[in-house]
């Protein structure tokens, strides 16, 4: 995606986004985000099920 706009990426580090972080996650793993945290982060529900 970044190369498409002229900025090739050699390495991408994501440590946190808002209240979410990657502490304790191994590469390739993920953590579910509960609805209460989404509400606090200002996310809107899409209305899809």
Protein backbone atom coordinates (compact mmCIF):
# COMPACT_ATOMS: atom_id res chain seq x y z
CA UNK A 1 0.00 0.00 0.00
CA UNK A 2 2.74 2.48 0.85
CA UNK A 3 4.75 1.57 -2.27
CA UNK A 4 1.71 2.43 -4.40
CA UNK A 5 2.00 6.06 -3.28
CA UNK A 6 5.78 6.21 -3.70
CA UNK A 7 6.91 5.27 -0.20
CA UNK A 8 8.25 1.70 -0.17
CA UNK A 9 8.22 0.19 3.33
CA UNK A 10 11.08 -2.00 4.47
CA UNK A 11 9.80 -2.59 7.99
CA UNK A 12 6.55 -1.77 9.73
CA UNK A 13 6.37 -1.56 13.52
CA UNK A 14 2.98 -1.18 15.16
CA UNK A 15 3.13 -0.89 18.91
CA UNK A 16 -0.18 0.78 19.72
CA UNK A 17 -3.21 2.47 18.24
CA UNK A 18 -5.18 4.56 20.71
CA UNK A 19 -5.92 2.41 23.76
CA UNK A 20 -4.84 -0.81 22.02
CA UNK A 21 -1.32 -2.22 22.20
CA UNK A 22 0.52 -5.39 21.27
CA UNK A 23 2.04 -6.14 24.67
CA UNK A 24 2.18 -9.91 25.15
CA UNK A 25 1.29 -10.81 21.54
CA UNK A 26 3.61 -13.04 19.55
CA UNK A 27 4.09 -12.36 15.82
CA UNK A 28 1.12 -13.64 13.83
CA UNK A 29 -1.24 -13.72 16.83
CA UNK A 30 -4.18 -11.41 17.53
CA UNK A 31 -6.41 -10.37 20.37
CA UNK A 32 -10.18 -9.84 20.16
CA UNK A 33 -11.38 -6.38 21.13
CA UNK A 34 -14.47 -6.28 23.33
CA UNK A 35 -17.41 -3.98 22.56
CA UNK A 36 -16.84 -1.89 25.71
CA UNK A 37 -13.37 -0.91 24.51
CA UNK A 38 -14.69 -0.06 21.06
CA UNK A 39 -17.23 2.30 22.59
CA UNK A 40 -14.58 4.08 24.64
CA UNK A 41 -12.35 4.43 21.58
CA UNK A 42 -15.12 6.28 19.75
CA UNK A 43 -15.76 3.55 17.18
CA UNK A 44 -19.20 3.48 15.58
CA UNK A 45 -21.18 0.33 15.02
CA UNK A 46 -21.60 -0.51 11.35
CA UNK A 47 -25.07 -2.03 11.72
CA UNK A 48 -23.92 -5.24 10.07
CA UNK A 49 -24.26 -8.62 11.78
